C-alpha atoms as a PDB file:
ATOM      1  CA  MET A   1     -17.007  14.534  26.966  1.00  0.00           C
ATOM      2  CA  SER A   2     -14.936  14.728  24.118  1.00  0.00           C
ATOM      3  CA  ALA A   3     -12.471  12.289  23.233  1.00  0.00           C
ATOM      4  CA  LEU A   4      -9.376  11.370  21.102  1.00  0.00           C
ATOM      5  CA  PRO A   5     -10.049  10.403  17.700  1.00  0.00           C
ATOM      6  CA  ASP A   6     -10.767   6.563  16.660  1.00  0.00           C
ATOM      7  CA  ALA A   7      -7.683   6.427  14.223  1.00  0.00           C
ATOM      8  CA  VAL A   8      -5.377   7.770  17.457  1.00  0.00           C
ATOM      9  CA  ARG A   9      -5.213   4.751  19.846  1.00  0.00           C
ATOM     10  CA  VAL A  10      -2.532   5.444  23.320  1.00  0.00           C
ATOM     11  CA  LEU A  11      -0.927   2.181  23.773  1.00  0.00           C
ATOM     12  CA  GLU A  12      -0.330   1.042  27.492  1.00  0.00           C
ATOM     13  CA  PHE A  13       2.957  -0.491  27.935  1.00  0.00           C
ATOM     14  CA  GLU A  14       3.477  -1.554  31.758  1.00  0.00           C
ATOM     15  CA  GLY A  15       7.149  -3.638  32.451  1.00  0.00           C
ATOM     16  CA  PRO A  16      10.028  -3.418  34.429  1.00  0.00           C
ATOM     17  CA  PHE A  17      12.536  -0.280  34.203  1.00  0.00           C
ATOM     18  CA  ARG A  18      15.508   1.074  36.209  1.00  0.00           C
ATOM     19  CA  GLY A  19      14.776  -1.477  38.844  1.00  0.00           C
ATOM     20  CA  THR A  20      10.959  -0.518  39.336  1.00  0.00           C
ATOM     21  CA  ARG A  21       7.869  -0.863  36.881  1.00  0.00           C
ATOM     22  CA  VAL A  22       6.843   1.428  34.927  1.00  0.00           C
ATOM     23  CA  THR A  23       4.066   2.136  32.480  1.00  0.00           C
ATOM     24  CA  VAL A  24       4.553   4.420  28.971  1.00  0.00           C
ATOM     25  CA  HIS A  25       2.319   5.186  26.310  1.00  0.00           C
ATOM     26  CA  PRO A  26       3.519   4.542  22.476  1.00  0.00           C
ATOM     27  CA  VAL A  27       1.091   5.451  20.280  1.00  0.00           C
ATOM     28  CA  LEU A  28      -0.526   4.370  17.281  1.00  0.00           C
ATOM     29  CA  ILE A  29      -1.871   6.735  14.568  1.00  0.00           C
ATOM     30  CA  LEU A  30      -4.808   4.305  12.183  1.00  0.00           C
ATOM     31  CA  ASP A  31      -4.802   4.882   9.101  1.00  0.00           C
ATOM     32  CA  PRO A  32      -5.913   2.835   5.654  1.00  0.00           C
ATOM     33  CA  GLN A  33      -2.706   3.248   3.585  1.00  0.00           C
ATOM     34  CA  GLY A  34      -0.677   1.939   6.778  1.00  0.00           C
ATOM     35  CA  HIS A  35      -0.099   3.117  10.437  1.00  0.00           C
ATOM     36  CA  LEU A  36       1.619   5.096  12.467  1.00  0.00           C
ATOM     37  CA  LEU A  37       3.584   4.046  15.467  1.00  0.00           C
ATOM     38  CA  VAL A  38       4.888   6.543  17.929  1.00  0.00           C
ATOM     39  CA  ASP A  39       7.408   5.024  19.923  1.00  0.00           C
ATOM     40  CA  THR A  40       7.892   1.270  21.318  1.00  0.00           C
ATOM     41  CA  GLY A  41       8.108   0.921  24.454  1.00  0.00           C
ATOM     42  CA  LEU A  42      10.749  -0.711  27.141  1.00  0.00           C
ATOM     43  CA  PRO A  43      13.038  -2.723  25.834  1.00  0.00           C
ATOM     44  CA  GLY A  44      13.007  -6.223  25.412  1.00  0.00           C
ATOM     45  CA  GLN A  45       9.723  -6.428  25.388  1.00  0.00           C
ATOM     46  CA  GLY A  46       9.109  -7.023  21.648  1.00  0.00           C
ATOM     47  CA  GLU A  47       5.693  -9.525  21.944  1.00  0.00           C
ATOM     48  CA  THR A  48       4.564  -7.276  24.556  1.00  0.00           C
ATOM     49  CA  LEU A  49       4.492  -4.614  21.826  1.00  0.00           C
ATOM     50  CA  ARG A  50       2.960  -6.679  19.312  1.00  0.00           C
ATOM     51  CA  ARG A  51      -0.026  -7.809  21.835  1.00  0.00           C
ATOM     52  CA  LEU A  52      -0.768  -4.754  22.282  1.00  0.00           C
ATOM     53  CA  LEU A  53      -0.491  -3.757  18.578  1.00  0.00           C
ATOM     54  CA  ALA A  54      -2.840  -6.482  18.013  1.00  0.00           C
ATOM     55  CA  GLN A  55      -5.489  -5.452  20.470  1.00  0.00           C
ATOM     56  CA  HIS A  56      -5.826  -2.109  18.558  1.00  0.00           C
ATOM     57  CA  GLY A  57      -6.356  -4.222  14.693  1.00  0.00           C
ATOM     58  CA  ALA A  58      -2.812  -3.530  14.122  1.00  0.00           C
ATOM     59  CA  GLN A  59       0.250  -5.949  13.568  1.00  0.00           C
ATOM     60  CA  PRO A  60       4.286  -5.479  12.829  1.00  0.00           C
ATOM     61  CA  ALA A  61       3.399  -5.974   9.249  1.00  0.00           C
ATOM     62  CA  THR A  62       0.876  -3.364   8.975  1.00  0.00           C
ATOM     63  CA  VAL A  63       3.243  -0.264  10.579  1.00  0.00           C
ATOM     64  CA  ARG A  64       4.634   1.391   7.802  1.00  0.00           C
ATOM     65  CA  TRP A  65       5.883   4.537   9.897  1.00  0.00           C
ATOM     66  CA  LEU A  66       7.862   4.590  12.876  1.00  0.00           C
ATOM     67  CA  VAL A  67       8.701   7.930  14.527  1.00  0.00           C
ATOM     68  CA  LEU A  68      11.059   8.190  17.857  1.00  0.00           C
ATOM     69  CA  THR A  69      10.706  10.776  19.296  1.00  0.00           C
ATOM     70  CA  HIS A  70      14.075  10.449  21.281  1.00  0.00           C
ATOM     71  CA  GLN A  71      17.481   8.689  21.901  1.00  0.00           C
ATOM     72  CA  ASP A  72      16.159   7.154  25.161  1.00  0.00           C
ATOM     73  CA  LEU A  73      16.054   3.430  25.832  1.00  0.00           C
ATOM     74  CA  ASP A  74      12.195   3.065  26.633  1.00  0.00           C
ATOM     75  CA  HIS A  75      11.443   4.851  23.963  1.00  0.00           C
ATOM     76  CA  ILE A  76      13.951   2.952  21.076  1.00  0.00           C
ATOM     77  CA  GLY A  77      13.638  -0.550  23.095  1.00  0.00           C
ATOM     78  CA  ASN A  78      11.975  -2.749  20.660  1.00  0.00           C
ATOM     79  CA  ALA A  79      12.498  -0.735  17.467  1.00  0.00           C
ATOM     80  CA  PRO A  80      15.178  -3.233  15.841  1.00  0.00           C
ATOM     81  CA  GLU A  81      13.005  -6.024  16.266  1.00  0.00           C
ATOM     82  CA  LEU A  82       9.794  -3.755  15.335  1.00  0.00           C
ATOM     83  CA  VAL A  83      11.438  -2.599  12.158  1.00  0.00           C
ATOM     84  CA  ALA A  84      12.977  -6.333  11.190  1.00  0.00           C
ATOM     85  CA  GLU A  85       9.378  -7.517  11.157  1.00  0.00           C
ATOM     86  CA  SER A  86       7.535  -4.667   9.060  1.00  0.00           C
ATOM     87  CA  GLY A  87      10.413  -2.998   6.570  1.00  0.00           C
ATOM     88  CA  ALA A  88       8.573  -0.023   8.842  1.00  0.00           C
ATOM     89  CA  GLU A  89      10.543   2.869   7.921  1.00  0.00           C
ATOM     90  CA  VAL A  90      12.431   5.546  11.022  1.00  0.00           C
ATOM     91  CA  TYR A  91      12.156   9.071  11.465  1.00  0.00           C
ATOM     92  CA  ALA A  92      14.323  10.470  14.075  1.00  0.00           C
ATOM     93  CA  HIS A  93      15.709  14.183  14.547  1.00  0.00           C
ATOM     94  CA  ARG A  94      19.355  14.774  13.051  1.00  0.00           C
ATOM     95  CA  ALA A  95      20.647  15.600  16.389  1.00  0.00           C
ATOM     96  CA  ASP A  96      19.515  12.107  18.046  1.00  0.00           C
ATOM     97  CA  ALA A  97      19.629   9.804  14.670  1.00  0.00           C
ATOM     98  CA  PRO A  98      23.511   8.618  15.659  1.00  0.00           C
ATOM     99  CA  PHE A  99      22.338   7.583  18.989  1.00  0.00           C
ATOM    100  CA  ILE A 100      19.255   5.872  17.292  1.00  0.00           C
ATOM    101  CA  GLN A 101      21.599   4.240  15.113  1.00  0.00           C
ATOM    102  CA  GLY A 102      24.785   3.295  17.478  1.00  0.00           C
ATOM    103  CA  GLN A 103      27.294   5.195  16.119  1.00  0.00           C
ATOM    104  CA  ARG A 104      27.938   7.088  19.675  1.00  0.00           C
ATOM    105  CA  LEU A 105      26.373   5.656  22.992  1.00  0.00           C
ATOM    106  CA  LEU A 106      23.211   6.963  23.890  1.00  0.00           C
ATOM    107  CA  LEU A 107      23.480  10.073  26.246  1.00  0.00           C
ATOM    108  CA  LYS A 108      21.960   8.946  29.448  1.00  0.00           C
ATOM    109  CA  LEU A 109      24.074   5.176  29.198  1.00  0.00           C
ATOM    110  CA  ALA A 110      27.672   8.003  29.937  1.00  0.00           C
ATOM    111  CA  PRO A 111      29.175   6.743  32.888  1.00  0.00           C
ATOM    112  CA  GLU A 112      29.363   9.491  34.555  1.00  0.00           C
ATOM    113  CA  ARG A 113      25.695   9.362  34.481  1.00  0.00           C
ATOM    114  CA  LEU A 114      25.225   5.998  35.368  1.00  0.00           C
ATOM    115  CA  ALA A 115      27.784   7.078  38.015  1.00  0.00           C
ATOM    116  CA  THR A 116      24.608   8.960  39.985  1.00  0.00           C
ATOM    117  CA  LEU A 117      21.950   6.502  39.965  1.00  0.00           C
ATOM    118  CA  ALA A 118      21.069   4.176  42.793  1.00  0.00           C
ATOM    119  CA  PRO A 119      22.801   0.704  42.338  1.00  0.00           C
ATOM    120  CA  GLU A 120      19.732  -1.128  40.909  1.00  0.00           C
ATOM    121  CA  ALA A 121      19.177   1.019  38.024  1.00  0.00           C
ATOM    122  CA  ARG A 122      22.275   1.753  37.755  1.00  0.00           C
ATOM    123  CA  ALA A 123      22.999  -2.228  36.991  1.00  0.00           C
ATOM    124  CA  PHE A 124      20.072  -2.097  34.998  1.00  0.00           C
ATOM    125  CA  PHE A 125      21.468   0.886  32.529  1.00  0.00           C
ATOM    126  CA  GLU A 126      24.919  -0.576  32.414  1.00  0.00           C
ATOM    127  CA  GLU A 127      23.518  -3.945  30.979  1.00  0.00           C
ATOM    128  CA  TRP A 128      22.153  -2.593  28.347  1.00  0.00           C
ATOM    129  CA  ALA A 129      24.798  -0.241  27.987  1.00  0.00           C
ATOM    130  CA  LYS A 130      26.679  -3.518  26.785  1.00  0.00           C
ATOM    131  CA  HIS A 131      24.363  -4.027  23.725  1.00  0.00           C
ATOM    132  CA  PRO A 132      22.065  -1.366  23.376  1.00  0.00           C
ATOM    133  CA  PRO A 133      19.297  -0.706  20.874  1.00  0.00           C
ATOM    134  CA  GLN A 134      20.281   0.345  17.342  1.00  0.00           C
ATOM    135  CA  VAL A 135      17.924   0.645  14.135  1.00  0.00           C
ATOM    136  CA  ARG A 136      18.693   2.918  10.673  1.00  0.00           C
ATOM    137  CA  VAL A 137      17.028   5.995  10.288  1.00  0.00           C
ATOM    138  CA  SER A 138      15.645   5.918   7.058  1.00  0.00           C
ATOM    139  CA  HIS A 139      15.031   9.621   7.165  1.00  0.00           C
ATOM    140  CA  LEU A 140      15.339  12.796   9.263  1.00  0.00           C
ATOM    141  CA  VAL A 141      12.832  14.674  10.054  1.00  0.00           C
ATOM    142  CA  GLU A 142      12.829  18.989  10.766  1.00  0.00           C
ATOM    143  CA  ASP A 143      10.740  21.309  12.882  1.00  0.00           C
ATOM    144  CA  GLY A 144       7.975  21.586  10.486  1.00  0.00           C
ATOM    145  CA  ASP A 145       7.579  18.755   8.277  1.00  0.00           C
ATOM    146  CA  LYS A 146       4.403  17.015   7.933  1.00  0.00           C
ATOM    147  CA  LEU A 147       3.689  12.809   7.417  1.00  0.00           C
ATOM    148  CA  PRO A 148       0.717  11.641   5.336  1.00  0.00           C
ATOM    149  CA  VAL A 149      -0.730  10.178   7.949  1.00  0.00           C
ATOM    150  CA  GLY A 150      -4.241  10.322  10.283  1.00  0.00           C
ATOM    151  CA  GLY A 151      -4.863  13.875   8.175  1.00  0.00           C
ATOM    152  CA  GLY A 152      -1.634  15.078   8.833  1.00  0.00           C
ATOM    153  CA  VAL A 153       0.857  15.337  11.349  1.00  0.00           C
ATOM    154  CA  ARG A 154       3.382  18.232  11.932  1.00  0.00           C
ATOM    155  CA  VAL A 155       6.631  17.199  13.358  1.00  0.00           C
ATOM    156  CA  VAL A 156       7.810  19.889  16.021  1.00  0.00           C
ATOM    157  CA  TYR A 157      11.008  20.064  17.416  1.00  0.00           C
ATOM    158  CA  THR A 158      11.111  19.753  21.181  1.00  0.00           C
ATOM    159  CA  PRO A 159      14.820  20.177  22.256  1.00  0.00           C
ATOM    160  CA  GLY A 160      15.438  19.888  25.770  1.00  0.00           C
ATOM    161  CA  HIS A 161      14.741  16.182  27.097  1.00  0.00           C
ATOM    162  CA  THR A 162      17.886  15.195  24.625  1.00  0.00           C
ATOM    163  CA  PRO A 163      19.167  17.033  22.130  1.00  0.00           C
ATOM    164  CA  GLY A 164      16.905  15.826  18.922  1.00  0.00           C
ATOM    165  CA  HIS A 165      13.214  15.769  20.916  1.00  0.00           C
ATOM    166  CA  LEU A 166      10.533  15.298  18.889  1.00  0.00           C
ATOM    167  CA  SER A 167       6.297  15.769  19.119  1.00  0.00           C
ATOM    168  CA  LEU A 168       4.178  15.355  17.103  1.00  0.00           C
ATOM    169  CA  TYR A 169       0.974  17.339  16.151  1.00  0.00           C
ATOM    170  CA  LEU A 170      -2.213  15.465  15.111  1.00  0.00           C
ATOM    171  CA  GLU A 171      -3.282  19.264  13.374  1.00  0.00           C
ATOM    172  CA  ALA A 172      -7.126  18.388  12.341  1.00  0.00           C
ATOM    173  CA  HIS A 173      -7.796  17.056  15.989  1.00  0.00           C
ATOM    174  CA  ARG A 174      -5.563  19.124  18.065  1.00  0.00           C
ATOM    175  CA  VAL A 175      -3.867  16.090  19.642  1.00  0.00           C
ATOM    176  CA  LEU A 176      -0.446  16.332  20.623  1.00  0.00           C
ATOM    177  CA  VAL A 177       1.876  13.799  21.049  1.00  0.00           C
ATOM    178  CA  ALA A 178       4.633  15.127  23.438  1.00  0.00           C
ATOM    179  CA  GLY A 179       6.772  12.172  24.245  1.00  0.00           C
ATOM    180  CA  ASP A 180       8.866  13.844  26.926  1.00  0.00           C
ATOM    181  CA  ALA A 181       8.407  16.903  26.353  1.00  0.00           C
ATOM    182  CA  LEU A 182       5.178  17.465  28.918  1.00  0.00           C
ATOM    183  CA  VAL A 183       4.233  14.910  31.479  1.00  0.00           C
ATOM    184  CA  VAL A 184       0.995  13.819  33.028  1.00  0.00           C
ATOM    185  CA  ALA A 185       1.412  13.053  36.862  1.00  0.00           C
ATOM    186  CA  ASP A 186      -1.490  12.278  39.929  1.00  0.00           C
ATOM    187  CA  GLY A 187      -4.111  13.469  36.737  1.00  0.00           C
ATOM    188  CA  GLN A 188      -2.190  16.783  36.021  1.00  0.00           C
ATOM    189  CA  LEU A 189      -0.510  18.247  32.824  1.00  0.00           C
ATOM    190  CA  ARG A 190       3.358  18.934  34.384  1.00  0.00           C
ATOM    191  CA  GLY A 191       6.087  20.098  32.854  1.00  0.00           C
ATOM    192  CA  PRO A 192       9.136  18.239  32.141  1.00  0.00           C
ATOM    193  CA  ARG A 193      10.698  16.635  34.596  1.00  0.00           C
ATOM    194  CA  PRO A 194      14.329  17.599  35.888  1.00  0.00           C
ATOM    195  CA  GLU A 195      16.039  14.616  36.766  1.00  0.00           C
ATOM    196  CA  VAL A 196      16.012  13.740  33.297  1.00  0.00           C
ATOM    197  CA  THR A 197      16.157  16.614  30.933  1.00  0.00           C
ATOM    198  CA  LEU A 198      19.173  16.989  30.220  1.00  0.00           C
ATOM    199  CA  ASP A 199      18.697  21.177  29.199  1.00  0.00           C
ATOM    200  CA  MET A 200      15.713  22.363  31.349  1.00  0.00           C
ATOM    201  CA  ALA A 201      16.170  26.091  29.372  1.00  0.00           C
ATOM    202  CA  GLU A 202      15.574  24.390  26.013  1.00  0.00           C
ATOM    203  CA  ALA A 203      13.033  22.355  27.783  1.00  0.00           C
ATOM    204  CA  MET A 204      10.890  24.752  28.459  1.00  0.00           C
ATOM    205  CA  ARG A 205      11.170  27.115  25.769  1.00  0.00           C
ATOM    206  CA  SER A 206       9.811  24.093  23.930  1.00  0.00           C
ATOM    207  CA  VAL A 207       6.970  24.138  25.990  1.00  0.00           C
ATOM    208  CA  ALA A 208       6.404  27.248  25.406  1.00  0.00           C
ATOM    209  CA  LYS A 209       6.448  26.393  21.114  1.00  0.00           C
ATOM    210  CA  LEU A 210       3.582  23.522  22.062  1.00  0.00           C
ATOM    211  CA  ALA A 211       1.578  25.761  23.897  1.00  0.00           C
ATOM    212  CA  ALA A 212       1.371  28.329  21.097  1.00  0.00           C
ATOM    213  CA  LEU A 213      -0.504  25.113  19.064  1.00  0.00           C
ATOM    214  CA  GLU A 214      -3.355  25.097  21.384  1.00  0.00           C
ATOM    215  CA  PRO A 215      -3.951  21.757  21.320  1.00  0.00           C
ATOM    216  CA  GLU A 216      -6.986  19.961  23.367  1.00  0.00           C
ATOM    217  CA  PHE A 217      -5.945  17.072  24.179  1.00  0.00           C
ATOM    218  CA  VAL A 218      -1.740  16.064  25.320  1.00  0.00           C
ATOM    219  CA  VAL A 219      -0.758  12.667  25.457  1.00  0.00           C
ATOM    220  CA  CYS A 220       2.553  11.597  27.012  1.00  0.00           C
ATOM    221  CA  TYR A 221       4.171   9.224  27.361  1.00  0.00           C
ATOM    222  CA  HIS A 222       4.570   9.249  30.568  1.00  0.00           C
ATOM    223  CA  GLY A 223       0.868   9.697  32.380  1.00  0.00           C
ATOM    224  CA  GLY A 224      -0.705   9.093  28.569  1.00  0.00           C
ATOM    225  CA  VAL A 225      -3.585  11.215  27.909  1.00  0.00           C
ATOM    226  CA  TYR A 226      -4.393  14.826  29.463  1.00  0.00           C
ATOM    227  CA  GLY A 227      -7.451  16.457  27.599  1.00  0.00           C
ATOM    228  CA  PRO A 228      -9.883  17.774  26.854  1.00  0.00           C
ATOM    229  CA  GLY A 229      -9.088  21.738  27.564  1.00  0.00           C
ATOM    230  CA  ALA A 230      -4.949  20.958  27.263  1.00  0.00           C
ATOM    231  CA  ALA A 231      -4.196  24.261  25.515  1.00  0.00           C
ATOM    232  CA  ARG A 232      -4.850  26.420  28.733  1.00  0.00           C
ATOM    233  CA  ARG A 233      -3.280  23.822  31.263  1.00  0.00           C
ATOM    234  CA  LEU A 234      -0.546  24.088  28.859  1.00  0.00           C
ATOM    235  CA  GLN A 235      -0.453  28.035  29.345  1.00  0.00           C
ATOM    236  CA  GLU A 236      -0.032  27.832  32.915  1.00  0.00           C
ATOM    237  CA  ILE A 237       2.735  25.710  32.320  1.00  0.00           C
ATOM    238  CA  ALA A 238       4.991  27.623  29.809  1.00  0.00           C
ATOM    239  CA  SER A 239       4.020  31.122  31.228  1.00  0.00           C
ATOM    240  CA  VAL A 240       5.934  29.710  34.723  1.00  0.00           C
ATOM    241  CA  GLY A 241       9.171  28.954  32.715  1.00  0.00           C
ATOM    242  CA  ALA A 242       8.752  32.667  31.235  1.00  0.00           C
END
């Protein structure tokens, strides 16, 4: 069976979030000129991130690029600490950059959204809303931009989950890093989750864009790796939303 290329490492990051325990999957792309990290894990767990990087022969000081797929708390959680240690350049889409930089309140921390949550989850988010993580975005990226890492990484603008959601496509390896545009649940690749997606119609248009790439593997922040043979399943998901 085929596997992910050795340069692509999927971190498994478990911890408390929203009153329960969840597992998320930042992606580390190894490169001799400096590594690229996609998302930073659950907030308040910088030491866990350092340990996971070390397991793959990296450390904060060797992370040269940080791509934040979007503004959500479990993605930007350890970005300030990582950037302070590494000096990494931070990449994000312009639609989410003001939220990541602390100029606007994270959309999913808005009081009207928190009011819909169960009490324990609401208390968790209300506490983080007081002092959310924030980090300066060094570079605003757009659909089609390319990063010179791991044989070439293409930025794919995939709004819907948030206005500025990004995915990344490693063209040489046919590996799609999908962020929260897709999920893996019970071993199956699935579409975006409506309960945490701000615009489902837009999100499904983004799924169709990703399906056109015909990736062999998809790495989802929630659920991890799906593949080989991801292209066919992704086409099935896209056809449902057509």
